[in-house]
Amino acid sequence: FFTINVQISVANGNKVRFWQDKLCGDGCFKEKFPRLFRLSSDRGGSLRSLVEKQDSTGGSEIRFRRNLFVWEKEKLNKLREELCLAPSLNRNEKYKPVLLAA
């Protein structure tokens, strides 16, 4: 009942861990993209910290310990596609559960 009728708002993203928390779909990015997680230079970073770091195209920049191989860049593109489906941030709102209408 609880997981069906309650949704967690990511609010400003400070308390949401980018790699470890389930942001969209079934599972966290750490489980879906284990290679990228291992190469990440910020494994414990929040969703907000990632969103605030932008690359030259205006997209979120995920930093890695080394340059990615071509096949790893393909995985990164898939991660970015999934990230587009994640809930958006509201910088002025705090983390809270939202009860869905029955």
C-alpha atoms as a PDB file:
ATOM      1  CA  PHE A   1       0.000   0.000   0.000  1.00  0.00           C
ATOM      2  CA  PHE A   2       2.625   2.512   1.039  1.00  0.00           C
ATOM      3  CA  THR A   3       4.829   2.279  -2.064  1.00  0.00           C
ATOM      4  CA  ILE A   4       1.801   2.363  -4.363  1.00  0.00           C
ATOM      5  CA  ASN A   5       0.129   5.397  -2.782  1.00  0.00           C
ATOM      6  CA  VAL A   6       3.094   7.523  -1.735  1.00  0.00           C
ATOM      7  CA  GLN A   7       5.551   9.273  -3.996  1.00  0.00           C
ATOM      8  CA  ILE A   8       8.722  10.958  -2.799  1.00  0.00           C
ATOM      9  CA  SER A   9       9.395  14.432  -4.166  1.00  0.00           C
ATOM     10  CA  VAL A  10      13.048  15.050  -4.962  1.00  0.00           C
ATOM     11  CA  ALA A  11      12.549  18.695  -3.990  1.00  0.00           C
ATOM     12  CA  ASN A  12      15.874  20.532  -4.255  1.00  0.00           C
ATOM     13  CA  GLY A  13      17.845  17.280  -4.686  1.00  0.00           C
ATOM     14  CA  ASN A  14      20.165  17.737  -1.706  1.00  0.00           C
ATOM     15  CA  LYS A  15      19.067  14.520   0.007  1.00  0.00           C
ATOM     16  CA  VAL A  16      18.800  12.425  -3.147  1.00  0.00           C
ATOM     17  CA  ARG A  17      21.975  10.487  -3.959  1.00  0.00           C
ATOM     18  CA  PHE A  18      22.477  10.426  -7.728  1.00  0.00           C
ATOM     19  CA  TRP A  19      24.005   6.949  -8.028  1.00  0.00           C
ATOM     20  CA  GLN A  20      22.387   5.127  -5.085  1.00  0.00           C
ATOM     21  CA  ASP A  21      18.763   6.307  -4.994  1.00  0.00           C
ATOM     22  CA  LYS A  22      16.079   5.092  -7.381  1.00  0.00           C
ATOM     23  CA  LEU A  23      15.333   8.148  -9.551  1.00  0.00           C
ATOM     24  CA  CYS A  24      13.435   6.636 -12.453  1.00  0.00           C
ATOM     25  CA  GLY A  25      12.467   3.180 -13.613  1.00  0.00           C
ATOM     26  CA  ASP A  26      13.356   0.061 -11.672  1.00  0.00           C
ATOM     27  CA  GLY A  27      16.646   0.386  -9.890  1.00  0.00           C
ATOM     28  CA  CYS A  28      19.322   2.942  -9.171  1.00  0.00           C
ATOM     29  CA  PHE A  29      21.961   4.147 -11.612  1.00  0.00           C
ATOM     30  CA  LYS A  30      24.659   2.341  -9.597  1.00  0.00           C
ATOM     31  CA  GLU A  31      22.974  -0.983 -10.453  1.00  0.00           C
ATOM     32  CA  LYS A  32      21.980  -0.092 -14.018  1.00  0.00           C
ATOM     33  CA  PHE A  33      25.368   1.361 -14.987  1.00  0.00           C
ATOM     34  CA  PRO A  34      27.940  -0.318 -12.709  1.00  0.00           C
ATOM     35  CA  ARG A  35      30.914   0.469 -14.949  1.00  0.00           C
ATOM     36  CA  LEU A  36      30.110   4.198 -15.027  1.00  0.00           C
ATOM     37  CA  PHE A  37      29.573   4.159 -11.260  1.00  0.00           C
ATOM     38  CA  ARG A  38      33.009   2.616 -10.685  1.00  0.00           C
ATOM     39  CA  LEU A  39      34.607   5.240 -12.941  1.00  0.00           C
ATOM     40  CA  SER A  40      32.712   8.172 -11.415  1.00  0.00           C
ATOM     41  CA  SER A  41      34.769  10.695  -9.488  1.00  0.00           C
ATOM     42  CA  ASP A  42      31.752  11.562  -7.300  1.00  0.00           C
ATOM     43  CA  ARG A  43      30.088   8.296  -6.226  1.00  0.00           C
ATOM     44  CA  GLY A  44      28.319   9.821  -3.225  1.00  0.00           C
ATOM     45  CA  GLY A  45      27.152  13.035  -4.848  1.00  0.00           C
ATOM     46  CA  SER A  46      23.628  14.368  -4.616  1.00  0.00           C
ATOM     47  CA  LEU A  47      21.292  14.883  -7.545  1.00  0.00           C
ATOM     48  CA  ARG A  48      21.500  18.627  -6.959  1.00  0.00           C
ATOM     49  CA  SER A  49      25.308  18.694  -7.091  1.00  0.00           C
ATOM     50  CA  LEU A  50      25.208  16.916 -10.436  1.00  0.00           C
ATOM     51  CA  VAL A  51      22.561  19.188 -11.919  1.00  0.00           C
ATOM     52  CA  GLU A  52      24.466  22.291 -10.843  1.00  0.00           C
ATOM     53  CA  LYS A  53      27.563  21.083 -12.760  1.00  0.00           C
ATOM     54  CA  GLN A  54      26.848  21.737 -16.412  1.00  0.00           C
ATOM     55  CA  ASP A  55      28.885  20.927 -19.481  1.00  0.00           C
ATOM     56  CA  SER A  56      29.383  23.189 -22.511  1.00  0.00           C
ATOM     57  CA  THR A  57      26.022  22.137 -24.027  1.00  0.00           C
ATOM     58  CA  GLY A  58      24.085  23.035 -20.872  1.00  0.00           C
ATOM     59  CA  GLY A  59      23.514  19.396 -19.885  1.00  0.00           C
ATOM     60  CA  SER A  60      24.477  17.857 -16.570  1.00  0.00           C
ATOM     61  CA  GLU A  61      28.141  16.940 -16.365  1.00  0.00           C
ATOM     62  CA  ILE A  62      29.038  13.616 -14.811  1.00  0.00           C
ATOM     63  CA  ARG A  63      32.761  13.528 -14.043  1.00  0.00           C
ATOM     64  CA  PHE A  64      34.904  10.447 -14.397  1.00  0.00           C
ATOM     65  CA  ARG A  65      38.407   9.509 -13.253  1.00  0.00           C
ATOM     66  CA  ARG A  66      39.553   9.006 -16.840  1.00  0.00           C
ATOM     67  CA  ASN A  67      38.333   9.548 -20.386  1.00  0.00           C
ATOM     68  CA  LEU A  68      35.638   7.065 -21.364  1.00  0.00           C
ATOM     69  CA  PHE A  69      36.028   4.492 -24.125  1.00  0.00           C
ATOM     70  CA  VAL A  70      33.535   4.613 -27.003  1.00  0.00           C
ATOM     71  CA  TRP A  71      31.409   1.782 -25.570  1.00  0.00           C
ATOM     72  CA  GLU A  72      31.366   3.526 -22.174  1.00  0.00           C
ATOM     73  CA  LYS A  73      30.216   6.760 -23.828  1.00  0.00           C
ATOM     74  CA  GLU A  74      27.291   4.794 -25.289  1.00  0.00           C
ATOM     75  CA  LYS A  75      26.367   3.723 -21.741  1.00  0.00           C
ATOM     76  CA  LEU A  76      26.651   7.352 -20.623  1.00  0.00           C
ATOM     77  CA  ASN A  77      24.239   8.393 -23.378  1.00  0.00           C
ATOM     78  CA  LYS A  78      21.743   5.778 -22.149  1.00  0.00           C
ATOM     79  CA  LEU A  79      22.128   7.072 -18.598  1.00  0.00           C
ATOM     80  CA  ARG A  80      21.460  10.627 -19.816  1.00  0.00           C
ATOM     81  CA  GLU A  81      18.330   9.444 -21.650  1.00  0.00           C
ATOM     82  CA  GLU A  82      17.038   7.924 -18.412  1.00  0.00           C
ATOM     83  CA  LEU A  83      18.002  11.039 -16.483  1.00  0.00           C
ATOM     84  CA  CYS A  84      15.625  13.028 -18.708  1.00  0.00           C
ATOM     85  CA  LEU A  85      12.791  10.919 -17.245  1.00  0.00           C
ATOM     86  CA  ALA A  86      13.776  11.668 -13.640  1.00  0.00           C
ATOM     87  CA  PRO A  87      11.680  14.092 -11.570  1.00  0.00           C
ATOM     88  CA  SER A  88      12.702  17.712 -11.898  1.00  0.00           C
ATOM     89  CA  LEU A  89      14.205  19.691  -9.030  1.00  0.00           C
ATOM     90  CA  ASN A  90      12.534  22.510  -7.157  1.00  0.00           C
ATOM     91  CA  ARG A  91      15.400  24.397  -5.522  1.00  0.00           C
ATOM     92  CA  ASN A  92      13.147  26.034  -2.902  1.00  0.00           C
ATOM     93  CA  GLU A  93      11.349  22.900  -1.736  1.00  0.00           C
ATOM     94  CA  LYS A  94      12.434  20.430   0.945  1.00  0.00           C
ATOM     95  CA  TYR A  95      12.395  16.622   0.600  1.00  0.00           C
ATOM     96  CA  LYS A  96       8.971  15.221   1.526  1.00  0.00           C
ATOM     97  CA  PRO A  97       6.529  12.396   0.807  1.00  0.00           C
ATOM     98  CA  VAL A  98       3.493  13.200  -1.338  1.00  0.00           C
ATOM     99  CA  LEU A  99       0.272  11.230  -0.779  1.00  0.00           C
ATOM    100  CA  LEU A 100      -1.398  10.329  -4.063  1.00  0.00           C
ATOM    101  CA  ALA A 101      -5.186  10.571  -4.444  1.00  0.00           C
ATOM    102  CA  ALA A 102      -6.967   7.236  -4.108  1.00  0.00           C
END
